[in-house]
Amino acid sequence: MLQKFKSFQFVEGRDTPENPGPTVPAGGHTFGPGFSISWQNGPLGRGPSRREPNGAFVETIIAATMDRLQFYQDSPFACQANQEVIDLLRDALSILDERTKEREARAVEGTHSV
């Protein structure tokens, strides 16, 4: 059952005369019944100046969702639909991992560079 939730997404920068340039995604908060997510705010940086995360990454939330569905699969509630969703989420994690590897290969992972 899909429950209502609220999201507040933050951006860095404003495309104004005082602060020219594009806005980029920053942190935010998403919450609903039984959950509250504070998203990573800002880049982690690279090399010796790399910082610890200050919020959740999409990959972590996908993995937590997979964990919960696997819990169902290991119970009398196992079903084909749950397995299909687990497989699709595994594919999503793989795609996001490939994106990270590609960004790392270009030395832009951990930055706001595109």
N, C-alpha and C. Protein backbone atom coordinates (compact mmCIF):
# COMPACT_ATOMS: atom_id res chain seq x y z
N MET A 1 0.84 -1.17 0.00
CA MET A 1 0.00 0.00 0.00
C MET A 1 0.90 1.25 0.00
N LEU A 2 0.65 2.11 -0.91
CA LEU A 2 1.41 3.36 -0.98
C LEU A 2 0.82 4.37 -0.01
N GLN A 3 1.66 4.82 0.93
CA GLN A 3 1.22 5.83 1.90
C GLN A 3 1.69 7.20 1.45
N LYS A 4 1.04 8.21 1.94
CA LYS A 4 1.44 9.58 1.64
C LYS A 4 2.76 9.88 2.33
N PHE A 5 3.60 10.66 1.67
CA PHE A 5 4.85 11.10 2.25
C PHE A 5 5.12 12.51 1.76
N LYS A 6 6.04 13.19 2.43
CA LYS A 6 6.41 14.55 2.05
C LYS A 6 7.90 14.60 1.80
N SER A 7 8.29 15.40 0.82
CA SER A 7 9.71 15.61 0.52
C SER A 7 9.99 17.09 0.43
N PHE A 8 11.11 17.47 0.98
CA PHE A 8 11.61 18.82 0.87
C PHE A 8 13.02 18.69 0.30
N GLN A 9 13.18 19.08 -0.96
CA GLN A 9 14.46 18.93 -1.65
C GLN A 9 15.19 20.28 -1.62
N PHE A 10 16.48 20.25 -1.30
CA PHE A 10 17.29 21.46 -1.22
C PHE A 10 18.16 21.59 -2.46
N VAL A 11 18.49 22.82 -2.79
CA VAL A 11 19.42 23.09 -3.89
C VAL A 11 20.51 24.03 -3.39
N GLU A 12 21.65 23.96 -4.04
CA GLU A 12 22.74 24.90 -3.77
C GLU A 12 22.81 25.86 -4.94
N GLY A 13 23.09 27.12 -4.62
CA GLY A 13 23.23 28.12 -5.67
C GLY A 13 21.89 28.62 -6.15
N ARG A 14 21.89 29.80 -6.65
CA ARG A 14 20.70 30.39 -7.23
C ARG A 14 21.14 31.12 -8.49
N ASP A 15 20.36 30.99 -9.51
CA ASP A 15 20.67 31.66 -10.75
C ASP A 15 20.09 33.08 -10.69
N THR A 16 20.78 33.95 -9.93
CA THR A 16 20.37 35.34 -9.75
C THR A 16 21.55 36.24 -10.09
N PRO A 17 21.32 37.52 -10.31
CA PRO A 17 22.45 38.42 -10.58
C PRO A 17 23.47 38.43 -9.45
N GLU A 18 22.98 38.27 -8.21
CA GLU A 18 23.91 38.28 -7.07
C GLU A 18 24.68 36.97 -6.95
N ASN A 19 24.10 35.89 -7.43
CA ASN A 19 24.72 34.57 -7.33
C ASN A 19 24.47 33.81 -8.62
N PRO A 20 25.20 34.17 -9.69
CA PRO A 20 24.94 33.52 -10.99
C PRO A 20 25.36 32.05 -10.98
N GLY A 21 24.82 31.33 -11.90
CA GLY A 21 25.16 29.92 -12.04
C GLY A 21 23.95 29.04 -11.81
N PRO A 22 24.07 27.80 -12.23
CA PRO A 22 22.93 26.90 -12.09
C PRO A 22 22.75 26.43 -10.65
N THR A 23 21.55 26.01 -10.35
CA THR A 23 21.32 25.39 -9.05
C THR A 23 21.67 23.90 -9.19
N VAL A 24 22.13 23.32 -8.12
CA VAL A 24 22.45 21.90 -8.12
C VAL A 24 21.74 21.25 -6.94
N PRO A 25 21.36 19.97 -7.09
CA PRO A 25 20.72 19.28 -5.98
C PRO A 25 21.62 19.24 -4.75
N ALA A 26 21.02 19.43 -3.60
CA ALA A 26 21.75 19.33 -2.33
C ALA A 26 20.99 18.32 -1.46
N GLY A 27 20.90 18.56 -0.20
CA GLY A 27 20.22 17.62 0.70
C GLY A 27 18.72 17.77 0.64
N GLY A 28 18.10 17.31 1.68
CA GLY A 28 16.66 17.40 1.77
C GLY A 28 16.16 16.42 2.82
N HIS A 29 14.87 16.40 2.98
CA HIS A 29 14.24 15.50 3.93
C HIS A 29 13.01 14.88 3.29
N THR A 30 12.84 13.60 3.51
CA THR A 30 11.65 12.89 3.06
C THR A 30 11.13 12.11 4.25
N PHE A 31 9.84 12.24 4.52
CA PHE A 31 9.31 11.52 5.67
C PHE A 31 7.85 11.14 5.44
N GLY A 32 7.47 10.11 6.15
CA GLY A 32 6.10 9.61 6.09
C GLY A 32 5.87 8.72 7.30
N PRO A 33 4.76 8.02 7.33
CA PRO A 33 4.47 7.15 8.47
C PRO A 33 5.59 6.13 8.69
N GLY A 34 6.25 6.20 9.82
CA GLY A 34 7.26 5.22 10.18
C GLY A 34 8.64 5.44 9.61
N PHE A 35 8.87 6.53 8.87
CA PHE A 35 10.22 6.75 8.36
C PHE A 35 10.55 8.23 8.21
N SER A 36 11.83 8.51 8.28
CA SER A 36 12.35 9.87 8.07
C SER A 36 13.73 9.74 7.46
N ILE A 37 13.94 10.35 6.31
CA ILE A 37 15.23 10.28 5.62
C ILE A 37 15.80 11.69 5.51
N SER A 38 17.02 11.86 5.96
CA SER A 38 17.78 13.09 5.70
C SER A 38 18.78 12.73 4.61
N TRP A 39 18.64 13.36 3.45
CA TRP A 39 19.49 13.04 2.30
C TRP A 39 20.85 13.71 2.43
N GLN A 40 21.85 13.12 1.80
CA GLN A 40 23.19 13.70 1.76
C GLN A 40 23.09 15.14 1.29
N ASN A 41 23.77 16.03 2.02
CA ASN A 41 23.77 17.44 1.67
C ASN A 41 25.18 17.86 1.28
N GLY A 42 25.38 18.12 0.01
CA GLY A 42 26.67 18.57 -0.49
C GLY A 42 27.56 17.43 -0.93
N PRO A 43 28.56 17.78 -1.72
CA PRO A 43 29.49 16.76 -2.20
C PRO A 43 30.42 16.30 -1.08
N LEU A 44 30.94 15.09 -1.23
CA LEU A 44 31.85 14.54 -0.23
C LEU A 44 33.28 15.02 -0.42
N GLY A 45 33.60 15.46 -1.62
CA GLY A 45 34.97 15.87 -1.91
C GLY A 45 35.80 14.68 -2.39
N ARG A 46 37.06 14.96 -2.69
CA ARG A 46 37.95 13.94 -3.20
C ARG A 46 39.26 13.95 -2.43
N GLY A 47 39.96 12.85 -2.47
CA GLY A 47 41.29 12.78 -1.88
C GLY A 47 41.29 13.02 -0.39
N PRO A 48 42.36 13.66 0.11
CA PRO A 48 42.49 13.87 1.55
C PRO A 48 41.40 14.76 2.15
N SER A 49 40.74 15.57 1.32
CA SER A 49 39.69 16.45 1.84
C SER A 49 38.31 15.80 1.82
N ARG A 50 38.25 14.50 1.46
CA ARG A 50 36.95 13.81 1.41
C ARG A 50 36.35 13.76 2.81
N ARG A 51 35.05 14.07 2.88
CA ARG A 51 34.32 14.11 4.15
C ARG A 51 33.45 12.86 4.30
N GLU A 52 33.05 12.62 5.53
CA GLU A 52 32.08 11.55 5.82
C GLU A 52 30.69 12.02 5.36
N PRO A 53 29.86 11.10 4.90
CA PRO A 53 28.50 11.48 4.53
C PRO A 53 27.74 12.07 5.73
N ASN A 54 26.87 13.04 5.43
CA ASN A 54 26.04 13.63 6.48
C ASN A 54 24.57 13.25 6.31
N GLY A 55 24.30 12.39 5.35
CA GLY A 55 22.93 11.96 5.10
C GLY A 55 22.90 10.70 4.26
N ALA A 56 21.70 10.26 3.95
CA ALA A 56 21.50 9.01 3.21
C ALA A 56 21.72 9.22 1.71
N PHE A 57 22.14 8.14 1.06
CA PHE A 57 22.24 8.09 -0.40
C PHE A 57 21.10 7.22 -0.92
N VAL A 58 20.67 7.47 -2.14
CA VAL A 58 19.59 6.69 -2.75
C VAL A 58 19.94 5.20 -2.71
N GLU A 59 21.20 4.87 -2.98
CA GLU A 59 21.60 3.46 -3.00
C GLU A 59 21.33 2.78 -1.65
N THR A 60 21.58 3.48 -0.57
CA THR A 60 21.37 2.91 0.76
C THR A 60 19.89 2.63 1.00
N ILE A 61 19.05 3.54 0.58
CA ILE A 61 17.61 3.36 0.78
C ILE A 61 17.09 2.21 -0.09
N ILE A 62 17.61 2.09 -1.30
CA ILE A 62 17.23 0.95 -2.16
C ILE A 62 17.66 -0.35 -1.49
N ALA A 63 18.90 -0.41 -0.97
CA ALA A 63 19.39 -1.62 -0.32
C ALA A 63 18.55 -1.97 0.91
N ALA A 64 18.13 -0.96 1.68
CA ALA A 64 17.29 -1.21 2.85
C ALA A 64 15.93 -1.76 2.42
N THR A 65 15.40 -1.27 1.33
CA THR A 65 14.14 -1.77 0.81
C THR A 65 14.28 -3.22 0.36
N MET A 66 15.39 -3.51 -0.31
CA MET A 66 15.65 -4.90 -0.70
C MET A 66 15.74 -5.81 0.52
N ASP A 67 16.39 -5.34 1.56
CA ASP A 67 16.52 -6.11 2.79
C ASP A 67 15.15 -6.45 3.38
N ARG A 68 14.27 -5.47 3.38
CA ARG A 68 12.92 -5.69 3.93
C ARG A 68 12.15 -6.70 3.07
N LEU A 69 12.24 -6.56 1.75
CA LEU A 69 11.55 -7.51 0.87
C LEU A 69 12.12 -8.91 1.01
N GLN A 70 13.43 -9.03 1.20
CA GLN A 70 14.03 -10.35 1.40
C GLN A 70 13.54 -10.97 2.71
N PHE A 71 13.34 -10.13 3.71
CA PHE A 71 12.77 -10.60 4.98
C PHE A 71 11.40 -11.25 4.72
N TYR A 72 10.58 -10.62 3.87
CA TYR A 72 9.30 -11.22 3.50
C TYR A 72 9.51 -12.52 2.73
N GLN A 73 10.50 -12.52 1.84
CA GLN A 73 10.76 -13.71 1.03
C GLN A 73 11.20 -14.90 1.88
N ASP A 74 11.79 -14.63 3.02
CA ASP A 74 12.24 -15.69 3.92
C ASP A 74 11.15 -16.08 4.93
N SER A 75 9.93 -15.70 4.64
CA SER A 75 8.80 -15.96 5.53
C SER A 75 7.67 -16.62 4.73
N PRO A 76 6.58 -16.91 5.38
CA PRO A 76 5.42 -17.46 4.64
C PRO A 76 4.83 -16.48 3.62
N PHE A 77 5.28 -15.22 3.63
CA PHE A 77 4.76 -14.22 2.69
C PHE A 77 5.55 -14.14 1.40
N ALA A 78 6.45 -15.07 1.17
CA ALA A 78 7.23 -15.09 -0.08
C ALA A 78 6.28 -15.18 -1.28
N CYS A 79 6.65 -14.42 -2.34
CA CYS A 79 5.84 -14.48 -3.56
C CYS A 79 6.67 -14.01 -4.74
N GLN A 80 6.17 -14.31 -5.92
CA GLN A 80 6.87 -13.94 -7.14
C GLN A 80 7.00 -12.42 -7.28
N ALA A 81 5.98 -11.67 -6.90
CA ALA A 81 6.03 -10.21 -7.02
C ALA A 81 7.18 -9.64 -6.20
N ASN A 82 7.33 -10.10 -4.94
CA ASN A 82 8.45 -9.62 -4.13
C ASN A 82 9.78 -9.91 -4.80
N GLN A 83 9.94 -11.13 -5.36
CA GLN A 83 11.20 -11.49 -6.00
C GLN A 83 11.46 -10.62 -7.21
N GLU A 84 10.44 -10.33 -7.99
CA GLU A 84 10.61 -9.47 -9.16
C GLU A 84 11.07 -8.08 -8.76
N VAL A 85 10.49 -7.55 -7.68
CA VAL A 85 10.89 -6.22 -7.20
C VAL A 85 12.33 -6.26 -6.70
N ILE A 86 12.70 -7.30 -5.95
CA ILE A 86 14.09 -7.43 -5.51
C ILE A 86 15.04 -7.43 -6.70
N ASP A 87 14.70 -8.18 -7.74
CA ASP A 87 15.54 -8.24 -8.94
C ASP A 87 15.65 -6.87 -9.62
N LEU A 88 14.55 -6.15 -9.70
CA LEU A 88 14.57 -4.82 -10.32
C LEU A 88 15.39 -3.84 -9.48
N LEU A 89 15.25 -3.92 -8.16
CA LEU A 89 16.05 -3.04 -7.30
C LEU A 89 17.53 -3.39 -7.39
N ARG A 90 17.85 -4.68 -7.51
CA ARG A 90 19.25 -5.09 -7.70
C ARG A 90 19.78 -4.49 -9.01
N ASP A 91 18.98 -4.50 -10.06
CA ASP A 91 19.37 -3.87 -11.33
C ASP A 91 19.59 -2.37 -11.15
N ALA A 92 18.70 -1.73 -10.39
CA ALA A 92 18.84 -0.29 -10.14
C ALA A 92 20.16 -0.01 -9.42
N LEU A 93 20.49 -0.81 -8.41
CA LEU A 93 21.76 -0.62 -7.70
C LEU A 93 22.95 -0.82 -8.62
N SER A 94 22.85 -1.77 -9.51
CA SER A 94 23.93 -2.02 -10.47
C SER A 94 24.13 -0.82 -11.40
N ILE A 95 23.04 -0.26 -11.87
CA ILE A 95 23.12 0.92 -12.75
C ILE A 95 23.73 2.10 -11.99
N LEU A 96 23.29 2.33 -10.77
CA LEU A 96 23.86 3.42 -9.98
C LEU A 96 25.34 3.19 -9.67
N ASP A 97 25.72 1.93 -9.44
CA ASP A 97 27.13 1.61 -9.22
C ASP A 97 27.96 1.89 -10.48
N GLU A 98 27.43 1.56 -11.63
CA GLU A 98 28.13 1.85 -12.89
C GLU A 98 28.30 3.36 -13.07
N ARG A 99 27.28 4.13 -12.71
CA ARG A 99 27.38 5.58 -12.78
C ARG A 99 28.51 6.07 -11.88
N THR A 100 28.57 5.55 -10.66
CA THR A 100 29.63 5.95 -9.73
C THR A 100 31.00 5.60 -10.28
N LYS A 101 31.15 4.40 -10.81
CA LYS A 101 32.44 3.98 -11.39
C LYS A 101 32.84 4.87 -12.55
N GLU A 102 31.88 5.23 -13.38
CA GLU A 102 32.16 6.10 -14.52
C GLU A 102 32.59 7.48 -14.04
N ARG A 103 31.92 8.00 -13.02
CA ARG A 103 32.30 9.31 -12.47
C ARG A 103 33.68 9.24 -11.81
N GLU A 104 33.97 8.13 -11.14
CA GLU A 104 35.29 7.96 -10.52
C GLU A 104 36.37 7.92 -11.60
N ALA A 105 36.11 7.23 -12.70
CA ALA A 105 37.07 7.15 -13.80
C ALA A 105 37.37 8.53 -14.39
N ARG A 106 36.39 9.42 -14.34
CA ARG A 106 36.59 10.79 -14.84
C ARG A 106 37.07 11.74 -13.75
N ALA A 107 37.28 11.21 -12.53
CA ALA A 107 37.77 11.99 -11.38
C ALA A 107 36.81 13.12 -11.00
N VAL A 108 35.51 12.86 -11.13
CA VAL A 108 34.51 13.85 -10.71
C VAL A 108 33.61 13.32 -9.60
N GLU A 109 33.77 12.05 -9.23
CA GLU A 109 32.96 11.50 -8.14
C GLU A 109 33.28 12.27 -6.87
N GLY A 110 32.26 12.63 -6.08
CA GLY A 110 32.45 13.40 -4.86
C GLY A 110 32.47 14.90 -5.08
N THR A 111 32.16 15.33 -6.31
CA THR A 111 32.15 16.76 -6.63
C THR A 111 30.81 17.10 -7.29
N HIS A 112 30.62 18.38 -7.54
CA HIS A 112 29.45 18.83 -8.29
C HIS A 112 29.72 18.89 -9.78
N SER A 113 30.88 18.44 -10.22
CA SER A 113 31.16 18.43 -11.66
C SER A 113 30.30 17.38 -12.34
N VAL A 114 29.90 17.69 -13.55
CA VAL A 114 29.05 16.76 -14.29
C VAL A 114 29.85 15.90 -15.14
